[in-house]
Amino acid sequence: MLTKRQNLLETIKGGNPDRFVKQYEFMNIIMEAPIGAMCGPGQTIKNGWGITFTWPEGQLGGFPIHDDEHKVLKDITDWRNQVKAPAVETSDEAWAAAVAHANAIDRNEEFATAFVAPGIFEMTHHLMSMEDALMALYEEPEDMHDLIDYLVEYELAYAKEMISRLHPDCIFHHDDWGSQRSSFVSPEMFAEFFVPAYKKIYGFYKDNGVELIVHHSDSYAANLVPAMIEMGIDIWQGVMTTNNVPELIKKYGGQISFMGDIDSGVIDFPGWTPEIVFEKTKEACERCGKLYFIPGASHGLNFGCFPGVYESNDEAIDKMSELMF
């Protein structure tokens, strides 16, 4: 029986996996790194960038507040005065828990995985609102290029510190690039503003010992897959059924792999049942096949929003491995 790591590599390289990769099982995600304040359920917090997040009770996630009082960046042409990056944490104490976790991982079995969020696109609209960020790409492209460069340099400074301490062999990187039905920007605009940024970021990770780039975008982004390949992404996690995943596998399998094809919204809700989870998992496995595909919910971490859903999905994948391998 292959290890989780071996089975993943066989799957994404078109080899001979002996079972389906079971959601996030190949990634041992190091969440203790000092990446900045994160908002939890029922909380309102301000992070190091000055962005105020709120996560209302009963909701599935948090989001920045963008009224006049809380918006960090009110004028893109004045971003140099309004946006100030926090210091990257460099103390041994701050990194101690993450280092201990990284050192305890059996890298023959799993990938030691560093978690990075939010991504570059998300940072632009976290600072100034989605509407302002999208308009700025059209109205003030030079300032947006410069702001994106500033955000990239900050991530590279964090990446340098993180790599020197954790030596990850996988990066799990978040940046949502679309709604369920479309990308937020056109492929042409994406190529102009975000492909160069991510080629620099993901190139740095690959040049410094990171074997695997897993990028989360639980959205439609089929029109951005060629850009993902150019950036160096190995696995697109969060791919929703609206992308026609079997067609993507047929067209791009061998250049990139796809993790998802089970929309969280249809299995991870208060009235979920194991039967619903198995039905949707079975559909995904049968239509996508054994190679260049990892079945799992589109949710962006290794747990469900409602108790028992993630574990039920694991069980359903095990059943499909028995049936198809």
Protein backbone atom coordinates (compact mmCIF):
# COMPACT_ATOMS: atom_id res chain seq x y z
CA MET A 1 0.00 0.00 0.00
CA LEU A 2 1.34 3.40 -1.00
CA THR A 3 1.83 6.09 1.61
CA LYS A 4 -0.43 9.13 1.43
CA ARG A 5 2.41 11.09 -0.14
CA GLN A 6 3.24 8.40 -2.68
CA ASN A 7 -0.41 7.93 -3.63
CA LEU A 8 -0.81 11.66 -4.19
CA LEU A 9 2.24 11.80 -6.44
CA GLU A 10 1.06 8.79 -8.46
CA THR A 11 -2.32 10.51 -8.91
CA ILE A 12 -1.04 13.89 -10.09
CA LYS A 13 1.73 12.44 -12.25
CA GLY A 14 -0.53 10.02 -14.12
CA GLY A 15 1.00 6.92 -12.52
CA ASN A 16 -0.58 4.05 -10.66
CA PRO A 17 -2.36 5.18 -7.48
CA ASP A 18 -3.85 2.35 -5.44
CA ARG A 19 -6.82 4.39 -4.17
CA PHE A 20 -8.38 7.84 -4.38
CA VAL A 21 -6.55 10.56 -2.50
CA LYS A 22 -8.85 11.32 0.41
CA GLN A 23 -9.40 15.07 0.53
CA TYR A 24 -6.60 16.76 2.50
CA GLU A 25 -4.96 13.60 3.82
CA PHE A 26 -1.64 14.23 2.03
CA MET A 27 -1.23 17.71 3.56
CA ASN A 28 -0.17 18.05 7.19
CA ILE A 29 -1.07 21.72 7.48
CA ILE A 30 1.00 23.85 9.87
CA MET A 31 -1.49 26.41 11.21
CA GLU A 32 0.65 27.68 14.09
CA ALA A 33 2.84 30.00 11.99
CA PRO A 34 2.55 33.74 12.82
CA ILE A 35 0.72 34.75 9.66
CA GLY A 36 -1.35 37.45 11.36
CA ALA A 37 -4.61 37.78 13.26
CA MET A 38 -7.45 35.62 11.90
CA CYS A 39 -11.12 36.21 12.66
CA GLY A 40 -13.09 33.44 14.35
CA PRO A 41 -16.85 32.83 14.73
CA GLY A 42 -18.56 35.63 16.62
CA GLN A 43 -15.47 37.84 16.56
CA THR A 44 -14.59 41.25 15.17
CA ILE A 45 -10.84 41.89 14.88
CA LYS A 46 -8.42 44.34 13.29
CA ASN A 47 -5.34 42.76 11.74
CA GLY A 48 -1.84 44.14 11.23
CA TRP A 49 -2.80 45.84 7.97
CA GLY A 50 -5.60 47.71 9.75
CA ILE A 51 -8.31 45.66 8.05
CA THR A 52 -11.33 45.06 10.31
CA PHE A 53 -12.92 41.63 9.92
CA THR A 54 -16.21 40.46 11.40
CA TRP A 55 -17.65 36.95 11.57
CA PRO A 56 -21.32 37.18 12.63
CA GLU A 57 -22.79 34.37 14.70
CA GLY A 58 -24.53 31.78 12.55
CA GLN A 59 -22.54 32.60 9.40
CA LEU A 60 -19.99 30.31 7.73
CA GLY A 61 -17.15 32.80 7.54
CA GLY A 62 -15.90 36.32 8.14
CA PHE A 63 -15.29 39.27 5.81
CA PRO A 64 -13.87 42.79 6.07
CA ILE A 65 -16.01 45.79 6.96
CA HIS A 66 -15.84 48.40 4.20
CA ASP A 67 -17.80 51.40 5.40
CA ASP A 68 -16.05 54.78 5.44
CA GLU A 69 -14.96 54.33 9.04
CA HIS A 70 -13.24 50.97 8.51
CA LYS A 71 -11.97 50.99 4.93
CA VAL A 72 -8.14 51.05 4.98
CA LEU A 73 -7.57 52.27 1.43
CA LYS A 74 -9.94 55.07 0.44
CA ASP A 75 -8.03 56.35 -2.59
CA ILE A 76 -5.90 54.02 -4.73
CA THR A 77 -3.84 56.97 -6.00
CA ASP A 78 -2.74 57.63 -2.40
CA TRP A 79 -2.06 54.00 -1.46
CA ARG A 80 1.55 54.68 -0.46
CA ASN A 81 0.34 56.84 2.42
CA GLN A 82 -2.68 54.76 3.35
CA VAL A 83 -1.36 51.17 3.21
CA LYS A 84 1.37 50.10 5.63
CA ALA A 85 2.50 46.49 5.79
CA PRO A 86 2.96 44.99 9.26
CA ALA A 87 6.36 43.70 10.27
CA VAL A 88 7.10 40.06 9.48
CA GLU A 89 7.49 38.17 12.73
CA THR A 90 11.10 37.07 13.23
CA SER A 91 11.30 36.01 16.87
CA ASP A 92 12.04 32.40 17.79
CA GLU A 93 9.23 32.51 20.31
CA ALA A 94 6.61 33.43 17.72
CA TRP A 95 7.68 30.59 15.43
CA ALA A 96 8.29 27.94 18.11
CA ALA A 97 4.96 26.11 17.87
CA ALA A 98 5.10 26.00 14.07
CA VAL A 99 8.68 24.73 14.10
CA ALA A 100 7.76 21.98 16.56
CA HIS A 101 4.85 20.94 14.36
CA ALA A 102 7.00 20.93 11.20
CA ASN A 103 9.70 18.85 12.89
CA ALA A 104 7.16 16.26 14.03
CA ILE A 105 5.81 15.52 10.54
CA ASP A 106 6.78 12.24 8.87
CA ARG A 107 7.63 13.57 5.42
CA ASN A 108 7.69 10.10 3.92
CA GLU A 109 3.99 9.86 4.76
CA GLU A 110 2.72 13.43 4.33
CA PHE A 111 3.72 16.80 2.94
CA ALA A 112 4.74 19.37 5.55
CA THR A 113 2.41 22.10 4.39
CA ALA A 114 2.59 25.82 5.10
CA PHE A 115 -0.67 27.74 4.97
CA VAL A 116 -0.78 31.18 3.33
CA ALA A 117 -3.85 33.44 3.25
CA PRO A 118 -5.15 35.79 2.08
CA GLY A 119 -3.76 35.91 -1.44
CA ILE A 120 -2.82 38.90 -3.56
CA PHE A 121 -6.20 39.49 -5.22
CA GLU A 122 -8.01 39.09 -1.91
CA MET A 123 -5.65 41.56 -0.26
CA THR A 124 -6.51 44.25 -2.81
CA HIS A 125 -10.23 44.03 -2.08
CA HIS A 126 -9.76 43.48 1.65
CA LEU A 127 -7.99 46.83 1.79
CA MET A 128 -10.50 48.82 -0.26
CA SER A 129 -13.64 46.69 -1.00
CA MET A 130 -14.38 44.45 -3.95
CA GLU A 131 -16.05 47.21 -5.95
CA ASP A 132 -13.19 49.66 -5.46
CA ALA A 133 -10.56 47.05 -6.29
CA LEU A 134 -12.22 45.97 -9.52
CA MET A 135 -12.76 49.58 -10.60
CA ALA A 136 -9.16 50.48 -9.78
CA LEU A 137 -7.90 47.78 -12.17
CA TYR A 138 -9.60 49.73 -14.96
CA GLU A 139 -9.23 53.31 -13.79
CA GLU A 140 -5.80 53.36 -12.10
CA PRO A 141 -3.82 50.42 -13.49
CA GLU A 142 -0.39 51.88 -12.71
CA ASP A 143 -1.21 52.33 -9.04
CA MET A 144 -2.74 48.86 -8.90
CA HIS A 145 0.42 47.37 -10.39
CA ASP A 146 2.48 49.18 -7.78
CA LEU A 147 0.20 48.13 -4.91
CA ILE A 148 0.31 44.51 -6.08
CA ASP A 149 4.12 44.68 -6.23
CA TYR A 150 4.10 45.95 -2.62
CA LEU A 151 1.88 43.05 -1.52
CA VAL A 152 4.11 40.57 -3.36
CA GLU A 153 7.23 41.89 -1.65
CA TYR A 154 5.56 41.47 1.72
CA GLU A 155 4.60 37.88 0.99
CA LEU A 156 8.12 37.13 -0.22
CA ALA A 157 9.54 38.54 3.02
CA TYR A 158 7.19 36.30 4.99
CA ALA A 159 7.99 33.35 2.74
CA LYS A 160 11.72 33.77 3.29
CA GLU A 161 11.27 33.66 7.07
CA MET A 162 8.82 30.78 6.92
CA ILE A 163 10.94 28.65 4.59
CA SER A 164 14.09 29.15 6.66
CA ARG A 165 12.31 27.89 9.77
CA LEU A 166 9.78 25.29 8.58
CA HIS A 167 11.33 24.00 5.32
CA PRO A 168 7.88 23.09 3.94
CA ASP A 169 7.60 20.81 0.94
CA CYS A 170 4.06 21.98 0.15
CA ILE A 171 2.32 25.37 0.19
CA PHE A 172 -1.47 25.61 0.58
CA HIS A 173 -2.26 29.09 -0.68
CA HIS A 174 -5.66 30.79 -0.66
CA ASP A 175 -6.89 33.39 -3.14
CA ASP A 176 -10.48 33.24 -4.39
CA TRP A 177 -10.63 34.28 -8.04
CA GLY A 178 -14.30 33.94 -8.91
CA SER A 179 -17.92 33.40 -8.05
CA GLN A 180 -19.64 30.08 -8.71
CA ARG A 181 -20.32 31.16 -12.30
CA SER A 182 -17.47 33.36 -13.49
CA SER A 183 -14.02 34.67 -12.68
CA PHE A 184 -13.93 38.11 -11.08
CA VAL A 185 -11.70 39.48 -13.86
CA SER A 186 -11.10 38.44 -17.45
CA PRO A 187 -8.22 36.14 -18.35
CA GLU A 188 -6.55 39.07 -20.10
CA MET A 189 -6.71 41.30 -17.04
CA PHE A 190 -5.70 38.40 -14.81
CA ALA A 191 -2.64 37.84 -17.03
CA GLU A 192 -1.67 41.50 -16.78
CA PHE A 193 -2.01 42.01 -13.04
CA PHE A 194 -1.84 38.68 -11.22
CA VAL A 195 0.11 36.15 -13.29
CA PRO A 196 3.43 38.04 -12.93
CA ALA A 197 2.81 38.40 -9.18
CA TYR A 198 2.19 34.72 -8.66
CA LYS A 199 5.00 33.61 -10.95
CA LYS A 200 7.32 35.54 -8.65
CA ILE A 201 5.74 34.13 -5.46
CA TYR A 202 5.34 30.51 -6.55
CA GLY A 203 8.70 30.59 -8.32
CA PHE A 204 10.32 31.64 -5.05
CA TYR A 205 8.69 28.75 -3.20
CA LYS A 206 9.74 26.23 -5.86
CA ASP A 207 13.30 27.60 -5.92
CA ASN A 208 13.52 27.07 -2.17
CA GLY A 209 12.59 23.43 -1.78
CA VAL A 210 8.80 23.49 -2.04
CA GLU A 211 7.72 20.53 -4.17
CA LEU A 212 3.99 21.12 -4.32
CA ILE A 213 1.85 24.24 -4.78
CA VAL A 214 -1.82 23.73 -3.89
CA HIS A 215 -3.95 26.77 -4.66
CA HIS A 216 -7.41 27.25 -3.16
CA SER A 217 -10.12 29.06 -5.11
CA ASP A 218 -13.59 27.61 -4.47
CA SER A 219 -15.11 29.14 -7.54
CA TYR A 220 -15.46 29.07 -11.25
CA ALA A 221 -12.01 29.64 -12.74
CA ALA A 222 -11.84 27.23 -15.68
CA ASN A 223 -10.89 30.18 -17.91
CA LEU A 224 -7.85 30.83 -15.70
CA VAL A 225 -6.40 27.29 -15.77
CA PRO A 226 -3.75 28.12 -18.41
CA ALA A 227 -2.65 30.97 -16.15
CA MET A 228 -2.54 28.63 -13.14
CA ILE A 229 -0.23 26.30 -15.07
CA GLU A 230 1.99 29.24 -16.05
CA MET A 231 2.15 30.32 -12.39
CA GLY A 232 3.38 26.89 -11.30
CA ILE A 233 0.29 25.60 -9.50
CA ASP A 234 0.29 21.81 -9.15
CA ILE A 235 -3.21 21.33 -7.71
CA TRP A 236 -6.22 23.61 -7.93
CA GLN A 237 -8.20 22.95 -4.75
CA GLY A 238 -11.82 24.06 -4.50
CA VAL A 239 -12.75 23.46 -8.11
CA MET A 240 -16.55 23.55 -8.27
CA THR A 241 -18.82 21.50 -10.51
CA THR A 242 -19.61 24.61 -12.58
CA ASN A 243 -16.12 24.28 -14.11
CA ASN A 244 -16.85 20.99 -15.95
CA VAL A 245 -14.02 19.21 -14.17
CA PRO A 246 -13.96 16.11 -16.43
CA GLU A 247 -13.35 18.39 -19.41
CA LEU A 248 -10.56 20.21 -17.55
CA ILE A 249 -8.91 16.88 -16.67
CA LYS A 250 -9.12 15.76 -20.29
CA LYS A 251 -7.61 19.03 -21.53
CA TYR A 252 -5.03 19.81 -18.84
CA GLY A 253 -4.36 16.58 -16.93
CA GLY A 254 -0.61 16.08 -16.65
CA GLN A 255 -0.02 19.83 -16.37
CA ILE A 256 -2.23 20.46 -13.33
CA SER A 257 -4.54 18.39 -11.12
CA PHE A 258 -7.94 19.22 -9.71
CA MET A 259 -9.17 18.80 -6.13
CA GLY A 260 -12.89 19.10 -5.44
CA ASP A 261 -15.87 18.58 -7.80
CA ILE A 262 -18.06 18.19 -4.70
CA ASP A 263 -19.64 21.57 -3.98
CA SER A 264 -19.65 22.22 -0.25
CA GLY A 265 -23.05 23.88 -0.46
CA VAL A 266 -24.76 20.66 -1.53
CA ILE A 267 -23.26 18.40 1.17
CA ASP A 268 -22.20 20.69 4.03
CA PHE A 269 -25.43 22.19 5.37
CA PRO A 270 -27.61 21.67 8.47
CA GLY A 271 -29.76 18.93 6.91
CA TRP A 272 -26.90 16.88 5.47
CA THR A 273 -26.99 13.08 5.52
CA PRO A 274 -24.36 10.40 4.78
CA GLU A 275 -26.52 9.35 1.82
CA ILE A 276 -26.30 12.82 0.25
CA VAL A 277 -22.55 12.92 0.80
CA PHE A 278 -22.06 9.49 -0.78
CA GLU A 279 -24.26 10.34 -3.77
CA LYS A 280 -22.29 13.48 -4.61
CA THR A 281 -18.94 11.77 -3.95
CA LYS A 282 -19.90 8.86 -6.20
CA GLU A 283 -20.89 11.23 -9.00
CA ALA A 284 -17.58 13.08 -8.74
CA CYS A 285 -15.39 9.98 -8.69
CA GLU A 286 -17.19 8.29 -11.58
CA ARG A 287 -17.16 11.32 -13.86
CA CYS A 288 -13.61 12.50 -13.06
CA GLY A 289 -11.72 9.20 -12.83
CA LYS A 290 -8.59 8.10 -11.03
CA LEU A 291 -5.88 10.40 -12.38
CA TYR A 292 -5.25 14.14 -11.99
CA PHE A 293 -8.25 14.29 -9.64
CA ILE A 294 -8.68 14.39 -5.86
CA PRO A 295 -12.28 14.11 -4.65
CA GLY A 296 -13.33 16.38 -1.83
CA ALA A 297 -15.54 19.25 -0.80
CA SER A 298 -14.72 22.68 -2.23
CA HIS A 299 -14.28 24.11 1.30
CA GLY A 300 -10.83 25.56 1.87
CA LEU A 301 -9.55 23.58 4.86
CA ASN A 302 -9.58 20.05 6.28
CA PHE A 303 -12.86 20.25 8.19
CA GLY A 304 -16.52 20.78 7.46
CA CYS A 305 -18.79 23.63 8.45
CA PHE A 306 -21.20 21.20 10.13
CA PRO A 307 -20.15 18.34 12.45
CA GLY A 308 -19.57 15.00 10.76
CA VAL A 309 -19.63 16.14 7.14
CA TYR A 310 -15.87 15.98 6.51
CA GLU A 311 -15.57 12.54 8.09
CA SER A 312 -18.57 11.28 6.12
CA ASN A 313 -16.93 12.50 2.93
CA ASP A 314 -13.78 10.56 3.82
CA GLU A 315 -15.88 7.42 4.32
CA ALA A 316 -17.61 7.93 0.98
CA ILE A 317 -14.23 8.27 -0.77
CA ASP A 318 -13.05 5.04 0.87
CA LYS A 319 -16.15 3.29 -0.50
CA MET A 320 -15.47 4.62 -3.99
CA SER A 321 -11.85 3.42 -3.77
CA GLU A 322 -13.18 -0.09 -2.99
CA LEU A 323 -15.51 0.10 -5.99
CA MET A 324 -13.14 1.64 -8.55
CA PHE A 325 -9.65 0.35 -7.68
